[in-house]
Protein backbone atom coordinates (compact mmCIF):
# COMPACT_ATOMS: atom_id res chain seq x y z
CA MET A 1 5.23 -7.37 2.74
CA PRO A 2 7.35 -4.34 1.65
CA LEU A 3 5.23 -4.09 -1.51
CA ILE A 4 2.07 -4.09 0.56
CA SER A 5 3.52 -1.46 2.88
CA HIS A 6 4.35 0.67 -0.14
CA PHE A 7 0.73 0.68 -1.21
CA ARG A 8 -0.63 1.32 2.29
CA ARG A 9 -0.86 5.08 2.81
CA ARG A 10 -2.36 6.34 6.02
CA VAL A 11 -4.32 9.55 6.32
CA ARG A 12 -2.58 12.10 8.50
CA PRO A 13 -4.30 12.94 11.75
CA GLY A 14 -6.37 16.08 11.48
CA ARG A 15 -6.69 15.86 7.70
CA GLU A 16 -9.63 14.41 5.86
CA ALA A 17 -9.32 12.49 2.63
CA PRO A 18 -10.38 14.49 -0.44
CA ALA A 19 -14.04 14.04 -1.23
CA ARG A 20 -14.82 12.14 -4.39
CA PRO A 21 -17.90 12.74 -6.53
CA SER A 22 -20.88 10.52 -5.85
CA GLY A 23 -21.82 7.72 -8.23
CA ARG A 24 -24.78 9.62 -9.71
CA GLY A 25 -22.76 12.78 -10.24
CA ARG A 26 -19.93 10.87 -11.85
CA ALA A 27 -22.32 9.06 -14.21
CA VAL A 28 -23.91 12.36 -15.26
CA GLY A 29 -20.48 13.88 -15.87
CA GLU A 30 -19.33 10.93 -17.99
CA THR A 31 -22.51 11.02 -20.09
CA ALA A 32 -22.23 14.78 -20.58
CA GLY A 33 -18.58 14.46 -21.62
CA ALA A 34 -19.40 11.80 -24.21
CA ALA A 35 -22.25 13.92 -25.60
CA VAL A 36 -20.05 17.03 -25.90
CA ALA A 37 -17.29 15.06 -27.64
CA ALA A 38 -19.78 13.59 -30.14
CA LEU A 39 -21.35 16.99 -30.90
CA CYS A 40 -17.93 18.60 -31.39
CA LEU A 41 -16.91 15.83 -33.79
CA TRP A 42 -20.15 16.30 -35.75
CA ALA A 43 -19.63 20.06 -35.95
CA VAL A 44 -16.03 19.71 -37.14
CA ALA A 45 -17.01 17.17 -39.80
CA LEU A 46 -19.85 19.42 -41.00
CA ARG A 47 -17.67 22.52 -41.15
CA LEU A 48 -14.52 21.10 -42.72
CA TRP A 49 -15.71 18.24 -44.91
CA ASN A 50 -19.35 19.15 -45.69
CA LEU A 51 -20.73 16.08 -43.92
CA PRO A 52 -23.56 14.63 -46.08
CA HIS A 53 -26.87 13.85 -44.43
CA ALA A 54 -25.79 15.90 -41.40
CA GLY A 55 -29.34 15.91 -40.01
CA ALA A 56 -29.48 12.12 -39.87
CA HIS A 57 -26.08 12.00 -38.13
CA LEU A 58 -27.22 14.61 -35.62
CA PHE A 59 -30.37 12.60 -34.88
CA VAL A 60 -28.30 9.48 -34.05
CA ILE A 61 -26.19 11.30 -31.42
CA PRO A 62 -29.00 11.72 -28.81
CA VAL A 63 -29.97 8.08 -29.31
CA ALA A 64 -26.39 6.98 -28.56
CA VAL A 65 -26.13 9.31 -25.56
CA ALA A 66 -29.38 7.86 -24.17
CA LEU A 67 -27.92 4.35 -24.46
CA PHE A 68 -24.58 5.33 -22.88
CA PRO A 69 -25.73 5.14 -19.19
CA LEU A 70 -26.96 1.57 -19.77
CA ARG A 71 -23.41 0.30 -20.37
CA ARG A 72 -23.04 -0.77 -16.71
CA ARG A 73 -26.33 -2.67 -16.50
CA TRP A 74 -26.19 -4.30 -19.95
CA PRO A 75 -22.57 -3.88 -21.03
CA ASP A 76 -22.39 -6.30 -23.97
CA ALA A 77 -25.65 -5.29 -25.65
CA THR A 78 -24.99 -1.57 -25.16
CA LEU A 79 -21.51 -1.73 -26.70
CA LEU A 80 -22.68 -3.74 -29.71
CA VAL A 81 -25.60 -1.37 -30.42
CA LEU A 82 -23.33 1.67 -30.10
CA ALA A 83 -20.88 0.03 -32.51
CA VAL A 84 -23.66 -0.28 -35.13
CA LEU A 85 -24.66 3.36 -34.61
CA ALA A 86 -21.03 4.54 -34.87
CA GLY A 87 -20.63 2.77 -38.21
CA ALA A 88 -23.75 4.51 -39.58
CA ALA A 89 -22.96 7.90 -37.98
CA PRO A 90 -19.20 8.33 -37.29
CA ALA A 91 -19.89 11.25 -34.93
CA VAL A 92 -21.06 8.66 -32.36
CA GLY A 93 -17.47 7.36 -32.16
CA PRO A 94 -16.61 9.13 -28.85
CA VAL A 95 -19.70 7.66 -27.18
CA THR A 96 -18.75 4.17 -28.37
CA ALA A 97 -15.15 4.68 -27.18
CA GLY A 98 -16.35 5.62 -23.69
CA ALA A 99 -18.59 2.57 -23.54
CA ALA A 100 -15.78 0.25 -24.71
CA TYR A 101 -13.46 1.64 -22.03
CA THR A 102 -16.00 1.21 -19.22
CA VAL A 103 -17.18 -2.24 -20.32
CA THR A 104 -13.67 -3.70 -20.54
CA ILE A 105 -12.79 -2.34 -17.08
CA ASP A 106 -15.53 -4.48 -15.53
CA THR A 107 -14.91 -7.53 -17.77
CA ALA A 108 -12.51 -9.91 -16.05
CA GLY A 109 -12.57 -12.89 -18.43
CA PRO A 110 -9.99 -12.46 -21.24
CA ARG A 111 -11.89 -14.67 -23.70
CA ARG A 112 -15.12 -12.84 -23.17
CA ARG A 113 -13.31 -9.52 -23.54
CA VAL A 114 -11.71 -10.59 -26.84
CA ARG A 115 -15.04 -11.85 -28.20
CA LEU A 116 -16.78 -8.62 -27.19
CA LEU A 117 -14.18 -6.30 -28.74
CA GLY A 118 -13.93 -8.45 -31.86
CA GLY A 119 -17.69 -8.51 -32.32
CA ALA A 120 -18.00 -4.76 -31.83
CA SER A 121 -15.18 -4.14 -34.35
CA LEU A 122 -16.86 -6.35 -36.96
CA LEU A 123 -20.22 -4.66 -36.41
CA ILE A 124 -18.81 -1.16 -36.75
CA MET A 125 -17.03 -2.09 -40.01
CA ALA A 126 -20.12 -3.84 -41.41
CA SER A 127 -22.35 -0.92 -40.50
CA ALA A 128 -19.99 1.63 -42.06
CA THR A 129 -19.69 -0.45 -45.23
CA ALA A 130 -23.46 -0.80 -45.55
CA ALA A 131 -24.09 2.91 -44.92
CA GLY A 132 -21.28 4.07 -47.22
CA PRO A 133 -23.24 4.42 -50.48
CA SER A 134 -26.27 6.11 -48.85
CA THR A 135 -25.33 8.17 -45.81
CA GLY A 136 -21.60 7.48 -45.74
CA PRO A 137 -18.60 8.61 -47.76
CA GLY A 138 -20.20 7.61 -51.06
CA SER A 139 -19.05 4.05 -51.71
CA ALA A 140 -18.78 0.75 -49.86
CA VAL A 141 -14.98 0.83 -50.16
CA TYR A 142 -14.69 4.21 -48.48
CA GLY A 143 -17.22 3.06 -45.87
CA LEU A 144 -15.09 0.01 -45.11
CA GLU A 145 -12.00 2.21 -44.75
CA LEU A 146 -13.87 4.50 -42.35
CA GLY A 147 -15.22 1.50 -40.40
CA LEU A 148 -11.73 0.06 -40.02
CA ALA A 149 -10.40 3.35 -38.64
CA LEU A 150 -13.35 3.68 -36.26
CA ALA A 151 -12.96 0.06 -35.10
CA VAL A 152 -9.39 0.83 -34.04
CA SER A 153 -10.00 4.26 -32.48
CA ALA A 154 -13.47 3.69 -30.96
CA VAL A 155 -13.32 0.02 -29.92
CA VAL A 156 -9.87 -1.61 -29.88
CA VAL A 157 -7.71 1.13 -28.34
CA PRO A 158 -10.27 2.17 -25.65
CA GLY A 159 -10.87 -1.52 -24.93
CA LEU A 160 -7.16 -2.15 -24.38
CA ALA A 161 -6.91 0.93 -22.14
CA GLY A 162 -9.91 -0.27 -20.14
CA THR A 163 -8.35 -3.73 -19.83
CA VAL A 164 -5.15 -2.26 -18.35
CA SER A 165 -7.11 -0.01 -16.00
CA GLY A 166 -9.33 -2.88 -14.86
CA GLN A 167 -6.34 -5.13 -14.18
CA GLN A 168 -4.67 -2.36 -12.19
CA THR A 169 -7.84 -1.83 -10.15
CA ARG A 170 -8.14 -5.54 -9.40
CA LEU A 171 -4.45 -5.69 -8.45
CA LEU A 172 -4.83 -2.77 -6.05
CA ARG A 173 -7.91 -4.39 -4.56
CA ALA A 174 -5.99 -7.64 -4.00
CA LEU A 175 -3.07 -5.74 -2.44
CA ARG A 176 -5.51 -3.84 -0.25
CA GLU A 177 -7.07 -7.07 0.97
CA ARG A 178 -3.68 -8.61 1.62
CA GLY A 179 -2.58 -5.48 3.44
CA ASP A 180 -5.70 -5.53 5.60
CA ALA A 181 -5.13 -9.19 6.43
CA ALA A 182 -1.48 -8.53 7.33
CA GLU A 183 -2.50 -5.52 9.43
CA ARG A 184 -5.09 -7.56 11.32
CA ALA A 185 -2.52 -10.31 11.91
CA ARG A 186 -0.02 -7.78 13.22
CA ARG A 187 -2.59 -6.22 15.55
CA SER A 188 -3.55 -9.64 16.82
CA ALA A 189 0.09 -10.53 17.49
CA ASP A 190 0.69 -7.21 19.26
CA ASN A 191 -2.41 -7.61 21.38
CA GLU A 192 -1.39 -11.14 22.31
CA ALA A 193 2.10 -9.94 23.23
CA ARG A 194 0.71 -7.13 25.39
CA THR A 195 -1.73 -9.49 27.08
CA HIS A 196 1.05 -11.96 27.74
CA GLU A 197 3.31 -9.28 29.19
CA ARG A 198 0.54 -7.83 31.34
CA SER A 199 -0.11 -11.32 32.62
CA ARG A 200 3.51 -11.67 33.61
CA ILE A 201 3.44 -8.27 35.30
CA ALA A 202 0.23 -9.23 37.09
CA ALA A 203 1.90 -12.41 38.33
CA GLU A 204 4.83 -10.40 39.65
CA MET A 205 2.47 -7.99 41.39
CA HIS A 206 0.57 -10.92 42.87
CA ASP A 207 3.77 -12.48 44.17
CA LEU A 208 5.15 -9.25 45.63
CA VAL A 209 2.05 -7.63 47.05
CA GLY A 210 0.46 -10.96 48.01
CA HIS A 211 3.58 -11.93 49.94
CA ARG A 212 3.53 -8.65 51.85
CA LEU A 213 -0.17 -8.94 52.57
CA SER A 214 0.32 -12.50 53.78
CA LEU A 215 2.98 -11.31 56.21
CA ILE A 216 0.67 -8.53 57.44
CA SER A 217 -2.14 -11.04 57.95
CA LEU A 218 0.20 -13.41 59.78
CA HIS A 219 1.47 -10.69 62.10
CA ALA A 220 -2.09 -9.43 62.66
CA GLY A 221 -3.12 -12.95 63.74
CA GLY A 222 -0.23 -13.11 66.18
CA LEU A 223 -1.08 -9.68 67.48
CA GLU A 224 -4.69 -10.77 67.93
CA LEU A 225 -3.62 -13.68 70.15
CA ALA A 226 -1.25 -11.51 72.14
CA LEU A 227 -3.84 -8.78 72.70
CA ASP A 228 -6.43 -11.33 73.83
CA GLU A 229 -4.59 -11.58 77.15
CA ALA A 230 -2.64 -8.32 77.37
CA ALA A 231 -5.21 -5.77 76.07
CA PRO A 232 -8.58 -7.32 75.29
CA GLU A 233 -10.02 -3.91 74.35
CA LEU A 234 -7.57 -3.73 71.36
CA ARG A 235 -8.21 -7.26 70.16
CA GLU A 236 -11.02 -6.15 67.83
CA GLU A 237 -8.62 -3.75 66.08
CA ALA A 238 -6.23 -6.61 65.37
CA VAL A 239 -9.12 -8.71 64.07
CA LEU A 240 -10.11 -5.83 61.78
CA VAL A 241 -6.57 -5.59 60.43
CA ARG A 242 -6.44 -9.32 59.70
CA ARG A 243 -9.85 -9.33 57.99
CA THR A 244 -9.00 -6.23 55.97
CA THR A 245 -5.78 -7.85 54.84
CA ARG A 246 -7.65 -10.98 53.81
CA ASP A 247 -10.21 -8.91 51.86
CA ALA A 248 -7.40 -6.98 50.17
CA MET A 249 -5.78 -10.25 49.16
CA ARG A 250 -9.02 -11.50 47.64
CA GLU A 251 -9.66 -8.20 45.81
CA LEU A 252 -6.09 -8.22 44.50
CA ARG A 253 -6.60 -11.66 42.97
CA GLN A 254 -9.87 -10.53 41.41
CA ALA A 255 -8.33 -7.36 39.97
CA LEU A 256 -5.32 -9.16 38.54
CA GLY A 257 -7.51 -11.91 37.18
CA VAL A 258 -9.01 -9.42 34.74
CA LEU A 259 -5.65 -9.36 32.93
CA GLY A 260 -5.93 -13.06 32.15
CA PRO A 261 -4.12 -16.12 33.45
CA LEU A 262 -1.10 -15.19 35.46
CA GLY A 263 2.01 -16.16 33.50
CA ARG A 264 5.16 -16.71 35.47
CA ASP A 265 8.78 -17.32 34.60
CA THR A 266 9.68 -20.77 35.85
CA GLY A 267 12.77 -22.94 35.93
CA PRO A 268 16.10 -21.17 35.32
CA ASP A 269 14.25 -17.99 34.25
CA VAL A 270 12.43 -17.52 37.56
CA LEU A 271 12.55 -13.93 38.87
CA THR A 272 14.14 -13.41 42.29
CA ASP A 273 15.25 -10.51 44.44
CA ALA A 274 18.58 -10.53 42.59
CA THR A 275 16.92 -10.14 39.22
CA GLY A 276 18.22 -7.12 37.30
CA THR A 277 21.30 -6.50 39.44
CA ARG A 278 24.77 -6.32 37.95
CA ALA A 279 25.51 -9.91 38.92
CA ASP A 280 22.31 -11.04 37.22
CA VAL A 281 23.12 -9.16 34.00
CA GLU A 282 26.69 -10.51 34.05
CA ALA A 283 25.25 -14.01 34.37
CA LEU A 284 23.06 -13.43 31.30
CA VAL A 285 26.06 -12.15 29.33
CA ALA A 286 28.19 -15.08 30.44
CA GLY A 287 25.49 -17.54 29.39
CA SER A 288 25.35 -15.98 25.92
CA ARG A 289 29.13 -16.02 25.70
CA ASP A 290 29.12 -19.72 26.56
CA GLY A 291 26.62 -20.21 23.73
CA GLY A 292 29.15 -18.89 21.18
CA ILE A 293 28.12 -15.21 21.07
CA ALA A 294 30.87 -12.56 21.13
CA VAL A 295 29.29 -10.25 23.73
CA ARG A 296 30.73 -7.76 26.16
CA LEU A 297 29.13 -5.83 29.04
CA GLU A 298 29.62 -2.13 29.76
CA TRP A 299 28.24 -0.93 33.10
CA SER A 300 28.14 2.72 34.13
CA GLY A 301 26.94 3.76 37.58
CA PRO A 302 26.11 1.90 40.80
CA ASP A 303 24.41 -1.45 41.07
CA LEU A 304 20.61 -1.69 40.79
CA GLY A 305 20.06 -3.50 44.04
CA VAL A 306 18.57 -0.39 45.66
CA ARG A 307 16.09 0.17 42.86
CA PRO A 308 12.48 -1.08 42.90
CA ALA A 309 11.86 -4.64 41.80
CA GLN A 310 9.85 -3.60 38.74
CA VAL A 311 12.80 -1.57 37.44
CA ARG A 312 15.25 -4.42 37.94
CA ARG A 313 12.88 -6.89 36.30
CA ALA A 314 12.49 -4.58 33.31
CA VAL A 315 16.28 -4.39 32.92
CA HIS A 316 16.52 -8.17 33.17
CA ARG A 317 13.80 -8.72 30.56
CA VAL A 318 15.31 -6.24 28.07
CA VAL A 319 18.78 -7.82 28.27
CA ARG A 320 17.46 -11.39 28.18
CA GLU A 321 15.07 -10.85 25.26
CA SER A 322 17.68 -8.95 23.23
CA LEU A 323 20.32 -11.64 23.70
CA THR A 324 17.75 -14.30 22.81
CA ASN A 325 17.07 -12.49 19.52
CA VAL A 326 20.80 -12.31 18.83
CA HIS A 327 21.04 -16.08 19.28
CA ARG A 328 18.19 -16.55 16.82
CA TYR A 329 19.00 -14.05 14.10
CA ALA A 330 22.64 -12.84 14.36
CA ALA A 331 24.70 -15.47 16.15
CA ALA A 332 27.89 -14.50 14.27
CA SER A 333 27.77 -10.79 15.14
CA GLN A 334 29.54 -8.73 17.79
CA VAL A 335 27.22 -7.71 20.66
CA THR A 336 27.51 -4.91 23.18
CA VAL A 337 25.34 -4.70 26.30
CA ARG A 338 25.50 -1.26 27.95
CA VAL A 339 23.76 -0.35 31.24
CA GLU A 340 23.86 3.30 32.35
CA HIS A 341 22.52 4.03 35.84
CA ASP A 342 22.23 7.45 37.45
CA ASP A 343 20.00 9.09 40.02
CA ARG A 344 17.10 9.62 37.62
CA THR A 345 17.07 6.91 34.97
CA VAL A 346 18.35 3.48 34.05
CA ARG A 347 19.21 3.11 30.38
CA VAL A 348 19.82 -0.29 28.77
CA THR A 349 21.21 -0.59 25.25
CA VAL A 350 21.86 -3.87 23.43
CA ARG A 351 23.42 -3.54 19.99
CA ASN A 352 24.73 -6.15 17.59
CA GLY A 353 26.75 -5.47 14.48
CA ALA A 354 26.07 -6.71 10.98
CA SER A 355 26.29 -10.48 10.91
CA ALA A 356 28.71 -12.13 8.50
CA ALA A 357 26.37 -15.10 8.18
CA VAL A 358 23.81 -15.35 5.43
CA ALA A 359 20.75 -13.37 6.34
CA GLY A 360 17.56 -15.30 6.74
CA THR A 361 14.96 -16.33 9.22
CA PRO A 362 16.02 -19.48 11.06
CA SER A 363 13.73 -22.42 11.41
CA GLY A 364 13.40 -21.82 15.14
CA ALA A 365 12.19 -18.23 14.84
CA GLY A 366 10.18 -16.84 17.74
CA THR A 367 6.56 -15.75 17.92
CA GLY A 368 7.28 -12.05 17.43
CA ARG A 369 5.81 -11.16 20.83
CA GLY A 370 9.06 -10.38 22.65
CA LEU A 371 9.73 -6.80 21.59
CA PRO A 372 6.07 -5.66 21.84
CA GLY A 373 5.98 -7.19 25.32
CA LEU A 374 9.13 -5.31 26.32
CA CYS A 375 7.66 -2.08 24.98
CA GLU A 376 4.52 -2.69 27.04
CA ARG A 377 6.52 -3.34 30.24
CA VAL A 378 8.80 -0.30 29.83
CA GLU A 379 5.95 2.09 29.01
CA LEU A 380 3.95 0.88 31.98
CA LEU A 381 6.85 2.18 34.10
CA GLY A 382 6.77 5.56 32.33
CA GLY A 383 9.86 4.87 30.22
CA THR A 384 10.67 4.79 26.53
CA PHE A 385 11.50 1.86 24.28
CA GLU A 386 13.22 2.11 20.88
CA THR A 387 14.32 -0.42 18.28
CA GLY A 388 15.87 0.07 14.89
CA VAL A 389 18.69 -0.57 12.44
CA PRO A 390 21.74 1.69 12.86
CA THR A 391 23.45 3.20 9.84
CA SER A 392 26.37 0.79 10.27
CA GLY A 393 24.04 -2.23 10.13
CA GLY A 394 22.91 -4.75 12.69
CA PHE A 395 20.16 -4.04 15.21
CA ARG A 396 19.75 -1.88 18.30
CA VAL A 397 17.40 -2.10 21.28
CA ALA A 398 17.32 0.80 23.76
CA ALA A 399 15.12 1.11 26.85
CA THR A 400 15.05 3.96 29.37
CA VAL A 401 13.09 3.59 32.64
CA PRO A 402 12.84 5.93 35.61
CA ALA A 403 15.03 4.95 38.55
CA GLU A 404 12.06 5.53 40.87
CA PRO A 405 8.82 5.08 38.89
CA ASP A 406 5.85 7.06 40.06
CA ASP A 407 2.98 4.88 41.20
CA THR A 408 0.56 7.14 39.28
CA VAL A 409 2.44 7.16 35.98
CA ALA A 410 -0.02 7.75 33.16
CA ARG A 411 0.84 5.41 30.37
CA ARG A 412 0.62 7.06 26.96
CA PRO A 413 -1.12 5.07 24.21
CA ALA A 414 1.24 2.86 22.28
CA ALA A 415 1.23 2.63 18.52
CA GLY A 416 -0.21 -0.84 18.76
CA ASP A 417 -3.14 0.45 20.84
CA VAL A 418 -3.96 2.99 18.17
CA ALA A 419 -3.77 0.33 15.53
CA ALA A 420 -5.85 -2.02 17.60
CA SER A 421 -8.54 0.58 18.10
CA ALA A 422 -8.61 1.64 14.45
CA PRO A 423 -11.72 0.35 12.74
CA ASP A 424 -11.55 -2.02 9.84
CA GLY A 425 -14.48 -0.39 8.13
CA PRO A 426 -14.51 2.23 5.39
CA ASP A 427 -12.73 4.79 7.57
CA GLY A 428 -9.83 2.51 8.55
CA PRO A 429 -6.29 2.60 7.21
CA ALA A 430 -7.18 0.53 4.20
CA ALA A 431 -9.54 3.30 3.08
CA ALA A 432 -6.52 5.56 2.61
CA LEU A 433 -5.33 3.51 -0.35
CA PRO A 434 -5.89 5.22 -3.70
CA ARG A 435 -9.28 4.02 -4.99
CA GLY A 436 -9.49 6.23 -8.03
CA PRO A 437 -7.15 7.85 -10.57
CA GLY A 438 -4.94 10.60 -9.23
CA THR A 439 -3.92 13.79 -11.00
CA ALA A 440 -1.40 12.04 -13.24
CA GLY A 441 -3.91 9.33 -14.12
CA ALA A 442 -6.64 11.87 -14.93
CA LEU A 443 -4.20 13.86 -17.09
CA ALA A 444 -3.12 10.74 -18.98
CA PHE A 445 -6.77 9.74 -19.48
CA GLY A 446 -7.64 13.20 -20.82
CA LEU A 447 -4.70 13.26 -23.24
CA GLY A 448 -5.58 9.78 -24.48
CA ALA A 449 -9.22 10.77 -25.03
CA VAL A 450 -8.19 13.87 -26.97
CA ALA A 451 -5.81 11.80 -29.11
CA LEU A 452 -8.54 9.28 -29.93
CA TRP A 453 -10.94 12.10 -30.78
CA GLY A 454 -8.33 13.50 -33.18
CA VAL A 455 -7.85 10.10 -34.82
CA MET A 456 -11.62 9.79 -35.34
CA ALA A 457 -11.79 13.29 -36.86
CA LEU A 458 -8.88 12.50 -39.16
CA ALA A 459 -10.50 9.24 -40.27
CA ILE A 460 -13.77 11.03 -41.05
CA GLY A 461 -11.88 13.71 -42.94
CA VAL A 462 -9.93 11.21 -45.04
CA ALA A 463 -13.06 9.24 -45.90
CA TYR A 464 -15.39 12.15 -46.67
CA SER A 465 -12.84 14.24 -48.55
CA GLN A 466 -12.64 11.58 -51.29
CA PRO A 467 -14.64 12.29 -54.49
CA ARG A 468 -18.08 10.84 -54.04
CA HIS A 469 -19.18 8.11 -56.42
CA THR A 470 -21.18 9.48 -59.45
CA ALA A 471 -22.76 7.49 -62.26
CA PRO A 472 -21.11 7.90 -65.70
CA PRO A 473 -23.10 9.87 -68.32
CA PRO A 474 -25.32 7.72 -70.57
CA GLN A 475 -24.01 6.72 -73.99
CA PRO A 476 -25.58 8.72 -76.86
CA ARG A 477 -28.30 6.84 -78.78
CA PRO A 478 -31.02 7.83 -81.23
CA GLY A 479 -34.11 9.24 -79.60
CA MET A 480 -32.26 11.24 -76.92
CA THR A 481 -32.73 14.98 -76.79
CA TYR A 482 -29.86 17.41 -77.02
CA GLN A 483 -30.18 18.25 -73.32
CA GLU A 484 -29.70 14.58 -72.44
CA LEU A 485 -26.41 14.43 -74.34
CA LYS A 486 -24.18 15.77 -71.59
CA GLY A 487 -20.73 16.72 -72.69
CA VAL A 488 -21.54 16.94 -76.42
CA PHE A 489 -20.64 20.36 -77.83
CA ASP A 490 -20.16 21.58 -81.40
CA SER A 491 -16.57 22.31 -82.53
CA PRO A 492 -16.17 24.80 -85.44
CA ALA A 493 -12.78 23.33 -86.38
CA VAL A 494 -14.19 19.83 -86.67
CA ARG A 495 -17.19 21.19 -88.64
CA ALA A 496 -14.81 22.88 -91.08
CA ALA A 497 -12.75 19.71 -91.49
CA ALA A 498 -15.92 17.75 -92.25
CA THR A 499 -17.20 20.18 -94.88
CA GLY A 500 -17.11 18.52 -98.30
CA ARG A 501 -16.02 15.16 -96.87
CA GLU A 502 -19.05 14.12 -94.81
CA PRO A 503 -21.69 11.70 -96.05
CA PRO A 504 -25.20 12.96 -96.90
CA ARG A 505 -27.30 13.97 -93.96
CA PRO A 506 -30.24 11.74 -93.11
CA VAL A 507 -33.77 12.65 -94.11
CA GLY A 508 -35.47 14.92 -91.57
CA ALA A 509 -32.25 16.30 -90.14
CA VAL A 510 -32.38 20.03 -89.55
CA GLY A 511 -28.93 20.36 -87.95
CA CYS A 512 -25.84 18.43 -86.93
CA VAL A 513 -23.29 18.77 -84.16
CA TYR A 514 -19.59 18.02 -84.66
CA PRO A 515 -17.88 17.47 -81.27
CA SER A 516 -14.13 17.47 -80.84
CA ALA A 517 -12.42 14.30 -82.04
CA GLY A 518 -9.25 12.71 -80.86
CA SER A 519 -6.32 11.59 -82.95
CA GLY A 520 -6.99 8.90 -85.49
CA THR A 521 -5.69 5.38 -85.42
CA ARG A 522 -3.94 5.90 -88.76
CA THR A 523 -1.33 8.52 -89.54
CA GLY A 524 -2.81 11.45 -91.51
CA VAL A 525 -6.40 10.41 -90.86
CA PHE A 526 -8.76 11.06 -87.90
CA THR A 527 -12.38 10.07 -87.34
CA ILE A 528 -15.21 12.60 -86.97
CA THR A 529 -18.44 11.78 -85.16
CA ARG A 530 -21.56 13.62 -86.34
CA TYR A 531 -24.81 13.86 -84.35
CA CYS A 532 -27.84 14.88 -86.44
CA PHE A 533 -31.08 16.20 -84.88
CA ASP A 534 -34.60 16.76 -86.18
CA ALA A 535 -36.80 19.79 -85.70
CA ALA A 536 -37.66 18.66 -82.14
CA ARG A 537 -33.91 18.60 -81.33
CA ARG A 538 -34.08 14.84 -81.01
CA LEU A 539 -31.12 12.71 -82.08
CA ILE A 540 -31.94 10.75 -85.24
CA ALA A 541 -28.51 9.57 -86.47
CA ILE A 542 -24.91 9.09 -85.34
CA ASP A 543 -22.38 8.96 -88.18
CA ARG A 544 -18.62 8.39 -88.03
CA PHE A 545 -16.36 9.01 -91.04
CA PRO A 546 -12.64 9.58 -91.62
CA VAL A 547 -11.10 12.76 -92.99
CA PRO A 548 -7.49 13.50 -93.84
CA SER A 549 -5.53 15.48 -91.29
CA VAL A 550 -3.12 18.30 -92.02
CA ARG A 551 0.44 18.02 -90.70
CA ASP A 552 1.65 21.30 -89.30
CA VAL A 553 5.45 21.17 -89.52
CA PRO A 554 8.08 23.94 -89.62
CA PRO A 555 9.19 25.10 -93.12
CA TRP A 556 12.74 23.87 -92.63
CA LYS A 557 11.39 20.35 -92.06
CA SER A 558 9.13 20.25 -95.14
CA HIS A 559 11.92 19.12 -97.45
């Protein structure tokens, strides 16, 4: 119950709860945010890493944004399609991340959630690998690397965040329902206690006023008989008094019957004319003392015998109910009953210290209607009723009632009445519970989204900054033109080394090219490759022959 009370936050009177955006406006805002994030990622990739096939990537972004609002109606299909598009066009990553977050919030089954996130991760990696050689980083390996990074940043991490958020939302909803149920139970108990106490008060009114009216009716009947002989002209007045008294008695029963069945104290707890006097309170204290309670009475002021019956009954009920609670919950504590009586008020205070016994609710706990009933009785008299735990421990009950209550006392609404009249609908206390992310939650969500966007940009940069895959130049072969022999250039030094040592040139050769040669496999010898071309600059022969190499050593090392 304390945990539920912690989550229950009431709206202060006179202040309205902050308005939240409507569902349509929120959906438009989420879609616009995803589109802006995707366009910014595309622009950064194009500017920094010269994104290849930028037009195709830009075309995919509107398609993904158009699918984004469908994530609530068809969550699984939408997320899987967006995962395929994100693998082919990495700029769609923010849109996929938003869909993964929203879908996992509404997915309660853990197995289904794992299958969905795992399938989306596999699809995004497969799509990136397939698109790597054509529209991706340039090779399937780089595409797989990019797909792995996007699977983590656009599917797994947003999915985990959505899972946590969804579980928190469901927990708050369960706490809200439990809090509403506990609040309804408390209101029902308070209403039952007030009804019970009003019934007891009605019974007391019936006994007091009915007794007086019965006496008036009895005396009016006697007066009617006496006037029949002594003053016949006044007999009708006596008859009128008797009939009026009888009608008043009937109307009193009808009026009190509205409050429910009349509950009365019976047996040893029956209320009498001595109820609430000093002797009565001393008897209550003595009874508790005989029951093993260490209780003492402090009385200040005259006796209450001259006070109205309703005041004395209120004092009796406060003392009796408080001592009963001590017997139930703190039998080992020290108890002080203090009654202060002056010309204006009667104040009753019952306080027990901290009990040395182990705290706990006994098996014979009461119904919880006693203190609300006392509050109802005291406030009906125009008094005040307070309960609470003092700083030194224990419990304290204090009631103050006027010594002479006004018959027209206007009873102020009790807290229970306000609670009982509060609606259970959307404007009730349960509606004051936080139903959406607060400032801290929105800030954390924004920082997380920015961090994921940065991870996606970094992954795209790492993948697209790698050298793109290029086919190796073709091997030289006869019939190729000189322009087709890429990387073959004539070296004057090699031509000079080949002069006088090369084999005869083939028939039809009009010129030869001597490209640079590496070191030979044998010491003092290296191999020269000669490419001979005809008049059409077409390769007709490739010759390789060894020539001696010259060792260039310092003079002091020649001998």
